[in-house]
Structures are given as structure tokens and as C-alpha cells.
Amino acid sequence: MRFIIALVLAAIAAGCAPPKPVDVMIGEACWRCRRPIQKPVLAAEFVQTKTGFPSKFRTVHCMSTWIAQQTDLPKGRFYVTDYSTGEWVRAEGAVFVNVVISKQTMERDFFAFADPAAAAAMAVEAGETVVDWDAILALGRDHPIGGN
């Protein structure tokens, strides 16, 4: 009987847990621009609270552009890949550094960091400043990137 109660409680707890991001595979299409995700360390993800459905994005800027394009954004959580660890972190708690992500095209985007000190070190190396999630959201509104 205790086993059944424990099983029911575990199922209830799992149902109440917030949705989690899923790993990005190289070559998957970005939800917004449909370009292939080439560097998982740049990837971002929106996970809907109600369904747990993950929308995967090629870069942080691509996700911020998508957010700005939404008239009725579903409830969910935004995740970014921590550059230092490769782990998912909540976008709202991360800090970001604008860097060149392709030397061939000189395309720029953002590395995300859970650790502000690591971001500050990268910013010094790149000759940039550290920005927060609000700045990334403003960038998506004020300077959306092309594509779909």
C-alpha cells in the first residue's frame, strides 16, 4: 500500500514540475528562421508550460526576434545554453556577451553565461560589454534579424 501511495505522489510531483528544455541536435531547424542549428552552445529554447513543447532556436538573437513577433506568447520558460558549461540555464538569470560567431561571414550573436564573472572575462576579451535578458528582448524588438 505504501508503494502505491509513493507512486501516486511521485506521479503528481512529476506532473507539477516545470517543463524542461531538451537537447539540441546539430542540424535541427530553428523554430523561427528554419536555418540549421550548427552550434548548440549558441542555442536557445522556449518550453511551453502547458504542453512542454520545446521551440528550439539557432541563437539567442533569433529567439528574441521570435518573441518580439508574437502577439499572444503562450506561457512558458526561456532557456539559453551556458557557454562555460554547455548546460541549459534560465534566460532571465543569464548574462550575455555579443561576439563574432562566424569568422567567414563575421556574423555576430550572443554567448550566454550563468556566471557573471565568466561573462565579464569574455567581454574583456571580445572588447564588448555584458548585457542582461532585458537588453536581449529589446534587441529583438528594436533590431530583429531577418528571415521568417
N, C-alpha and C. Protein backbone atom coordinates (compact mmCIF):
# COMPACT_ATOMS: atom_id res chain seq x y z
N MET A 1 0.82 -1.19 0.00
CA MET A 1 0.00 0.00 0.00
C MET A 1 0.87 1.25 0.00
N ARG A 2 1.94 1.25 0.81
CA ARG A 2 2.82 2.43 0.85
C ARG A 2 3.47 2.66 -0.50
N PHE A 3 3.77 1.56 -1.19
CA PHE A 3 4.38 1.67 -2.50
C PHE A 3 3.44 2.39 -3.47
N ILE A 4 2.18 2.04 -3.44
CA ILE A 4 1.19 2.66 -4.33
C ILE A 4 1.05 4.14 -4.01
N ILE A 5 0.99 4.48 -2.73
CA ILE A 5 0.88 5.90 -2.33
C ILE A 5 2.12 6.67 -2.80
N ALA A 6 3.29 6.08 -2.60
CA ALA A 6 4.53 6.73 -3.04
C ALA A 6 4.54 6.92 -4.56
N LEU A 7 4.05 5.94 -5.29
CA LEU A 7 3.99 6.02 -6.74
C LEU A 7 3.04 7.11 -7.19
N VAL A 8 1.88 7.21 -6.56
CA VAL A 8 0.90 8.25 -6.89
C VAL A 8 1.48 9.63 -6.59
N LEU A 9 2.11 9.79 -5.43
CA LEU A 9 2.71 11.07 -5.07
C LEU A 9 3.83 11.46 -6.04
N ALA A 10 4.62 10.50 -6.46
CA ALA A 10 5.69 10.77 -7.43
C ALA A 10 5.10 11.22 -8.77
N ALA A 11 4.02 10.59 -9.19
CA ALA A 11 3.37 10.96 -10.45
C ALA A 11 2.80 12.37 -10.36
N ILE A 12 2.21 12.71 -9.22
CA ILE A 12 1.66 14.05 -9.04
C ILE A 12 2.79 15.08 -9.05
N ALA A 13 3.86 14.79 -8.35
CA ALA A 13 5.00 15.71 -8.31
C ALA A 13 5.60 15.90 -9.70
N ALA A 14 5.69 14.85 -10.47
CA ALA A 14 6.25 14.95 -11.82
C ALA A 14 5.34 15.79 -12.71
N GLY A 15 4.04 15.68 -12.51
CA GLY A 15 3.08 16.47 -13.28
C GLY A 15 3.13 17.94 -12.94
N CYS A 16 3.57 18.29 -11.75
CA CYS A 16 3.65 19.68 -11.32
C CYS A 16 5.01 20.30 -11.62
N ALA A 17 5.97 19.50 -12.00
CA ALA A 17 7.31 20.02 -12.26
C ALA A 17 7.28 20.90 -13.51
N PRO A 18 8.05 21.97 -13.50
CA PRO A 18 8.07 22.83 -14.70
C PRO A 18 8.69 22.07 -15.87
N PRO A 19 8.26 22.41 -17.08
CA PRO A 19 8.83 21.74 -18.25
C PRO A 19 10.31 22.06 -18.37
N LYS A 20 11.04 21.11 -18.89
CA LYS A 20 12.50 21.25 -19.02
C LYS A 20 12.87 21.31 -20.50
N PRO A 21 13.97 21.98 -20.80
CA PRO A 21 14.43 22.00 -22.19
C PRO A 21 14.97 20.64 -22.59
N VAL A 22 15.02 20.42 -23.88
CA VAL A 22 15.58 19.17 -24.40
C VAL A 22 16.84 19.49 -25.19
N ASP A 23 17.71 18.52 -25.31
CA ASP A 23 18.96 18.74 -26.03
C ASP A 23 18.71 19.10 -27.48
N VAL A 24 19.57 19.94 -27.99
CA VAL A 24 19.53 20.34 -29.39
C VAL A 24 20.51 19.48 -30.17
N MET A 25 20.08 19.01 -31.30
CA MET A 25 20.94 18.21 -32.17
C MET A 25 21.44 19.10 -33.31
N ILE A 26 22.71 18.97 -33.64
CA ILE A 26 23.27 19.73 -34.76
C ILE A 26 22.47 19.39 -36.02
N GLY A 27 22.07 20.42 -36.74
CA GLY A 27 21.32 20.24 -37.97
C GLY A 27 19.82 20.43 -37.81
N GLU A 28 19.32 20.43 -36.56
CA GLU A 28 17.89 20.70 -36.37
C GLU A 28 17.56 22.09 -36.87
N ALA A 29 16.35 22.27 -37.36
CA ALA A 29 15.93 23.57 -37.88
C ALA A 29 15.50 24.49 -36.75
N CYS A 30 15.92 25.74 -36.86
CA CYS A 30 15.48 26.77 -35.91
C CYS A 30 13.98 26.99 -36.08
N TRP A 31 13.28 27.15 -34.99
CA TRP A 31 11.83 27.33 -34.99
C TRP A 31 11.42 28.58 -35.77
N ARG A 32 12.22 29.64 -35.71
CA ARG A 32 11.85 30.90 -36.35
C ARG A 32 12.37 30.99 -37.78
N CYS A 33 13.66 30.87 -37.97
CA CYS A 33 14.25 31.15 -39.28
C CYS A 33 14.42 29.91 -40.15
N ARG A 34 14.27 28.73 -39.57
CA ARG A 34 14.37 27.45 -40.26
C ARG A 34 15.80 27.10 -40.68
N ARG A 35 16.78 27.95 -40.34
CA ARG A 35 18.17 27.62 -40.63
C ARG A 35 18.62 26.52 -39.69
N PRO A 36 19.59 25.71 -40.10
CA PRO A 36 20.04 24.63 -39.21
C PRO A 36 20.82 25.17 -38.02
N ILE A 37 20.61 24.54 -36.89
CA ILE A 37 21.36 24.87 -35.68
C ILE A 37 22.72 24.19 -35.83
N GLN A 38 23.77 24.99 -35.95
CA GLN A 38 25.11 24.47 -36.18
C GLN A 38 25.94 24.38 -34.91
N LYS A 39 25.67 25.28 -33.96
CA LYS A 39 26.47 25.34 -32.75
C LYS A 39 25.54 25.31 -31.53
N PRO A 40 25.38 24.15 -30.92
CA PRO A 40 24.49 24.06 -29.75
C PRO A 40 24.84 25.04 -28.64
N VAL A 41 26.10 25.48 -28.55
CA VAL A 41 26.48 26.42 -27.50
C VAL A 41 25.81 27.79 -27.70
N LEU A 42 25.29 28.04 -28.89
CA LEU A 42 24.57 29.29 -29.17
C LEU A 42 23.06 29.12 -29.05
N ALA A 43 22.59 27.90 -28.90
CA ALA A 43 21.16 27.60 -28.97
C ALA A 43 20.38 28.18 -27.80
N ALA A 44 19.11 28.39 -28.08
CA ALA A 44 18.16 28.86 -27.08
C ALA A 44 16.87 28.06 -27.26
N GLU A 45 16.02 28.09 -26.24
CA GLU A 45 14.82 27.27 -26.31
C GLU A 45 13.70 27.90 -25.49
N PHE A 46 12.49 27.81 -26.03
CA PHE A 46 11.29 28.21 -25.31
C PHE A 46 10.48 26.94 -25.07
N VAL A 47 10.11 26.69 -23.82
CA VAL A 47 9.35 25.48 -23.49
C VAL A 47 8.00 25.92 -22.94
N GLN A 48 6.93 25.52 -23.63
CA GLN A 48 5.59 25.88 -23.20
C GLN A 48 5.24 25.19 -21.89
N THR A 49 4.68 25.93 -20.97
CA THR A 49 4.32 25.39 -19.67
C THR A 49 3.24 24.33 -19.78
N LYS A 50 2.21 24.61 -20.55
CA LYS A 50 1.05 23.71 -20.62
C LYS A 50 1.35 22.39 -21.31
N THR A 51 2.08 22.44 -22.42
CA THR A 51 2.31 21.23 -23.21
C THR A 51 3.70 20.65 -23.05
N GLY A 52 4.64 21.46 -22.58
CA GLY A 52 6.03 21.02 -22.51
C GLY A 52 6.72 21.03 -23.86
N PHE A 53 6.05 21.56 -24.89
CA PHE A 53 6.61 21.58 -26.24
C PHE A 53 7.79 22.54 -26.31
N PRO A 54 8.95 22.06 -26.79
CA PRO A 54 10.12 22.93 -26.92
C PRO A 54 10.23 23.54 -28.32
N SER A 55 10.40 24.85 -28.36
CA SER A 55 10.71 25.53 -29.62
C SER A 55 12.19 25.86 -29.56
N LYS A 56 12.95 25.31 -30.50
CA LYS A 56 14.41 25.45 -30.47
C LYS A 56 14.84 26.56 -31.43
N PHE A 57 15.84 27.33 -30.98
CA PHE A 57 16.31 28.45 -31.77
C PHE A 57 17.80 28.36 -32.00
N ARG A 58 18.22 28.81 -33.15
CA ARG A 58 19.62 28.77 -33.57
C ARG A 58 20.50 29.62 -32.67
N THR A 59 19.98 30.79 -32.27
CA THR A 59 20.75 31.71 -31.44
C THR A 59 19.82 32.46 -30.49
N VAL A 60 20.42 33.14 -29.53
CA VAL A 60 19.68 33.97 -28.58
C VAL A 60 18.95 35.10 -29.32
N HIS A 61 19.64 35.74 -30.27
CA HIS A 61 19.02 36.84 -31.00
C HIS A 61 17.84 36.36 -31.84
N CYS A 62 17.95 35.17 -32.42
CA CYS A 62 16.84 34.61 -33.19
C CYS A 62 15.63 34.40 -32.28
N MET A 63 15.86 33.89 -31.06
CA MET A 63 14.74 33.71 -30.13
C MET A 63 14.15 35.05 -29.73
N SER A 64 14.98 36.06 -29.49
CA SER A 64 14.45 37.36 -29.08
C SER A 64 13.64 38.00 -30.20
N THR A 65 14.04 37.78 -31.44
CA THR A 65 13.26 38.28 -32.57
C THR A 65 11.91 37.57 -32.62
N TRP A 66 11.90 36.26 -32.42
CA TRP A 66 10.65 35.50 -32.41
C TRP A 66 9.73 35.99 -31.30
N ILE A 67 10.27 36.24 -30.13
CA ILE A 67 9.46 36.73 -29.01
C ILE A 67 8.79 38.04 -29.40
N ALA A 68 9.56 38.94 -30.01
CA ALA A 68 9.02 40.25 -30.40
C ALA A 68 7.93 40.12 -31.46
N GLN A 69 7.96 39.07 -32.25
CA GLN A 69 6.98 38.88 -33.32
C GLN A 69 5.66 38.29 -32.82
N GLN A 70 5.63 37.81 -31.59
CA GLN A 70 4.44 37.14 -31.08
C GLN A 70 3.41 38.15 -30.58
N THR A 71 2.16 37.97 -30.99
CA THR A 71 1.09 38.82 -30.48
C THR A 71 0.47 38.21 -29.22
N ASP A 72 0.55 36.90 -29.10
CA ASP A 72 0.00 36.22 -27.94
C ASP A 72 0.94 35.08 -27.54
N LEU A 73 2.00 35.43 -26.84
CA LEU A 73 3.01 34.45 -26.44
C LEU A 73 2.43 33.51 -25.40
N PRO A 74 2.49 32.19 -25.65
CA PRO A 74 1.99 31.26 -24.63
C PRO A 74 2.88 31.30 -23.39
N LYS A 75 2.33 30.84 -22.27
CA LYS A 75 3.13 30.78 -21.06
C LYS A 75 4.22 29.74 -21.23
N GLY A 76 5.38 30.06 -20.72
CA GLY A 76 6.48 29.14 -20.83
C GLY A 76 7.74 29.72 -20.23
N ARG A 77 8.83 28.99 -20.45
CA ARG A 77 10.13 29.39 -19.93
C ARG A 77 11.14 29.48 -21.06
N PHE A 78 12.03 30.46 -20.92
CA PHE A 78 13.09 30.66 -21.89
C PHE A 78 14.40 30.14 -21.32
N TYR A 79 15.10 29.37 -22.14
CA TYR A 79 16.38 28.80 -21.73
C TYR A 79 17.44 29.17 -22.76
N VAL A 80 18.65 29.30 -22.28
CA VAL A 80 19.81 29.53 -23.13
C VAL A 80 20.91 28.56 -22.71
N THR A 81 21.85 28.33 -23.61
CA THR A 81 22.95 27.44 -23.31
C THR A 81 24.08 28.23 -22.65
N ASP A 82 24.46 27.81 -21.46
CA ASP A 82 25.58 28.45 -20.77
C ASP A 82 26.86 28.13 -21.53
N TYR A 83 27.56 29.16 -21.99
CA TYR A 83 28.76 28.99 -22.79
C TYR A 83 29.83 28.21 -22.02
N SER A 84 29.94 28.44 -20.73
CA SER A 84 31.00 27.81 -19.94
C SER A 84 30.78 26.32 -19.70
N THR A 85 29.53 25.92 -19.52
CA THR A 85 29.25 24.53 -19.14
C THR A 85 28.51 23.72 -20.20
N GLY A 86 27.85 24.41 -21.14
CA GLY A 86 27.02 23.71 -22.13
C GLY A 86 25.67 23.30 -21.58
N GLU A 87 25.36 23.69 -20.34
CA GLU A 87 24.09 23.33 -19.69
C GLU A 87 23.03 24.39 -19.97
N TRP A 88 21.77 23.97 -19.90
CA TRP A 88 20.67 24.92 -20.03
C TRP A 88 20.54 25.75 -18.76
N VAL A 89 20.31 27.04 -18.92
CA VAL A 89 20.03 27.94 -17.80
C VAL A 89 18.85 28.82 -18.19
N ARG A 90 18.13 29.31 -17.20
CA ARG A 90 17.02 30.21 -17.47
C ARG A 90 17.56 31.51 -18.06
N ALA A 91 16.97 31.95 -19.14
CA ALA A 91 17.44 33.16 -19.82
C ALA A 91 17.37 34.38 -18.92
N GLU A 92 16.33 34.45 -18.09
CA GLU A 92 16.14 35.61 -17.23
C GLU A 92 17.28 35.78 -16.22
N GLY A 93 17.96 34.71 -15.88
CA GLY A 93 19.05 34.76 -14.92
C GLY A 93 20.43 34.80 -15.54
N ALA A 94 20.49 34.75 -16.86
CA ALA A 94 21.78 34.74 -17.56
C ALA A 94 22.21 36.15 -17.93
N VAL A 95 23.48 36.26 -18.26
CA VAL A 95 24.01 37.49 -18.84
C VAL A 95 24.66 37.11 -20.17
N PHE A 96 24.83 38.09 -21.04
CA PHE A 96 25.17 37.81 -22.43
C PHE A 96 26.30 38.70 -22.93
N VAL A 97 27.09 38.15 -23.85
CA VAL A 97 28.17 38.90 -24.47
C VAL A 97 28.06 38.73 -25.99
N ASN A 98 28.06 39.85 -26.71
CA ASN A 98 27.99 39.84 -28.17
C ASN A 98 29.36 39.51 -28.73
N VAL A 99 29.42 38.48 -29.58
CA VAL A 99 30.70 38.03 -30.14
C VAL A 99 30.52 37.67 -31.62
N VAL A 100 31.63 37.58 -32.32
CA VAL A 100 31.62 37.07 -33.69
C VAL A 100 31.47 35.56 -33.60
N ILE A 101 30.43 35.03 -34.25
CA ILE A 101 30.20 33.58 -34.18
C ILE A 101 30.65 32.87 -35.45
N SER A 102 30.93 33.64 -36.51
CA SER A 102 31.45 33.04 -37.74
C SER A 102 32.49 33.99 -38.32
N LYS A 103 33.73 33.54 -38.36
CA LYS A 103 34.80 34.38 -38.93
C LYS A 103 34.66 34.48 -40.45
N GLN A 104 34.02 33.49 -41.09
CA GLN A 104 33.83 33.54 -42.54
C GLN A 104 32.85 34.65 -42.93
N THR A 105 31.76 34.78 -42.19
CA THR A 105 30.73 35.77 -42.52
C THR A 105 30.74 36.98 -41.60
N MET A 106 31.51 36.91 -40.52
CA MET A 106 31.56 37.95 -39.49
C MET A 106 30.19 38.15 -38.81
N GLU A 107 29.36 37.11 -38.86
CA GLU A 107 28.07 37.15 -38.16
C GLU A 107 28.32 37.24 -36.66
N ARG A 108 27.49 38.04 -36.00
CA ARG A 108 27.61 38.23 -34.55
C ARG A 108 26.33 37.73 -33.87
N ASP A 109 26.49 37.23 -32.67
CA ASP A 109 25.36 36.89 -31.82
C ASP A 109 25.86 36.86 -30.39
N PHE A 110 25.14 36.16 -29.53
CA PHE A 110 25.44 36.25 -28.10
C PHE A 110 25.79 34.89 -27.50
N PHE A 111 26.84 34.89 -26.68
CA PHE A 111 27.09 33.78 -25.79
C PHE A 111 26.38 34.11 -24.49
N ALA A 112 25.75 33.11 -23.89
CA ALA A 112 25.06 33.28 -22.61
C ALA A 112 25.91 32.69 -21.49
N PHE A 113 25.82 33.30 -20.34
CA PHE A 113 26.59 32.85 -19.18
C PHE A 113 25.73 32.86 -17.93
N ALA A 114 25.83 31.80 -17.15
CA ALA A 114 25.20 31.78 -15.83
C ALA A 114 26.07 32.53 -14.83
N ASP A 115 27.37 32.53 -15.06
CA ASP A 115 28.34 33.16 -14.16
C ASP A 115 28.74 34.54 -14.70
N PRO A 116 28.35 35.61 -14.01
CA PRO A 116 28.70 36.95 -14.47
C PRO A 116 30.20 37.19 -14.61
N ALA A 117 31.00 36.56 -13.76
CA ALA A 117 32.46 36.73 -13.85
C ALA A 117 33.00 36.14 -15.15
N ALA A 118 32.48 34.99 -15.55
CA ALA A 118 32.91 34.38 -16.81
C ALA A 118 32.48 35.26 -17.99
N ALA A 119 31.30 35.85 -17.90
CA ALA A 119 30.83 36.76 -18.94
C ALA A 119 31.71 37.99 -19.01
N ALA A 120 32.08 38.52 -17.87
CA ALA A 120 32.93 39.72 -17.83
C ALA A 120 34.28 39.43 -18.47
N ALA A 121 34.85 38.26 -18.21
CA ALA A 121 36.13 37.88 -18.81
C ALA A 121 36.01 37.78 -20.33
N MET A 122 34.92 37.17 -20.82
CA MET A 122 34.70 37.06 -22.26
C MET A 122 34.48 38.45 -22.87
N ALA A 123 33.77 39.31 -22.17
CA ALA A 123 33.52 40.66 -22.67
C ALA A 123 34.81 41.44 -22.83
N VAL A 124 35.71 41.32 -21.88
CA VAL A 124 37.00 41.99 -21.97
C VAL A 124 37.76 41.46 -23.18
N GLU A 125 37.78 40.15 -23.35
CA GLU A 125 38.48 39.52 -24.48
C GLU A 125 37.90 39.97 -25.82
N ALA A 126 36.57 40.12 -25.88
CA ALA A 126 35.89 40.48 -27.12
C ALA A 126 35.78 41.99 -27.31
N GLY A 127 36.16 42.77 -26.31
CA GLY A 127 36.02 44.22 -26.40
C GLY A 127 34.56 44.65 -26.39
N GLU A 128 33.74 43.92 -25.66
CA GLU A 128 32.30 44.17 -25.59
C GLU A 128 31.87 44.41 -24.15
N THR A 129 30.59 44.62 -23.95
CA THR A 129 30.04 44.76 -22.61
C THR A 129 29.09 43.61 -22.33
N VAL A 130 28.84 43.37 -21.08
CA VAL A 130 27.89 42.35 -20.66
C VAL A 130 26.50 42.98 -20.64
N VAL A 131 25.51 42.26 -21.18
CA VAL A 131 24.13 42.74 -21.17
C VAL A 131 23.23 41.70 -20.51
N ASP A 132 22.06 42.14 -20.07
CA ASP A 132 21.12 41.24 -19.41
C ASP A 132 19.99 40.84 -20.36
N TRP A 133 19.08 40.02 -19.84
CA TRP A 133 17.98 39.49 -20.65
C TRP A 133 17.09 40.60 -21.18
N ASP A 134 16.85 41.64 -20.39
CA ASP A 134 16.02 42.74 -20.86
C ASP A 134 16.63 43.41 -22.10
N ALA A 135 17.94 43.54 -22.13
CA ALA A 135 18.61 44.11 -23.30
C ALA A 135 18.45 43.21 -24.52
N ILE A 136 18.48 41.90 -24.29
CA ILE A 136 18.29 40.95 -25.40
C ILE A 136 16.87 41.06 -25.95
N LEU A 137 15.88 41.16 -25.07
CA LEU A 137 14.49 41.32 -25.51
C LEU A 137 14.31 42.63 -26.29
N ALA A 138 14.94 43.70 -25.82
CA ALA A 138 14.86 44.98 -26.53
C ALA A 138 15.51 44.88 -27.91
N LEU A 139 16.58 44.13 -28.01
CA LEU A 139 17.26 43.94 -29.28
C LEU A 139 16.32 43.24 -30.28
N GLY A 140 15.60 42.24 -29.81
CA GLY A 140 14.65 41.54 -30.69
C GLY A 140 13.55 42.46 -31.18
N ARG A 141 13.11 43.39 -30.34
CA ARG A 141 12.07 44.36 -30.75
C ARG A 141 12.64 45.43 -31.68
N ASP A 142 13.78 45.99 -31.29
CA ASP A 142 14.32 47.16 -31.99
C ASP A 142 15.19 46.82 -33.19
N HIS A 143 15.82 45.66 -33.18
CA HIS A 143 16.71 45.24 -34.27
C HIS A 143 16.52 43.76 -34.58
N PRO A 144 15.33 43.41 -35.08
CA PRO A 144 15.09 41.99 -35.40
C PRO A 144 16.01 41.53 -36.51
N ILE A 145 16.36 40.26 -36.46
CA ILE A 145 17.18 39.72 -37.54
C ILE A 145 16.27 39.20 -38.64
N GLY A 146 16.79 39.13 -39.84
CA GLY A 146 16.00 38.73 -41.00
C GLY A 146 15.56 37.29 -40.94
N GLY A 147 14.88 36.88 -41.96
CA GLY A 147 14.36 35.52 -42.03
C GLY A 147 12.87 35.52 -41.86
N ASN A 148 12.33 34.37 -41.52
CA ASN A 148 10.86 34.22 -41.40
C ASN A 148 10.28 35.05 -40.31
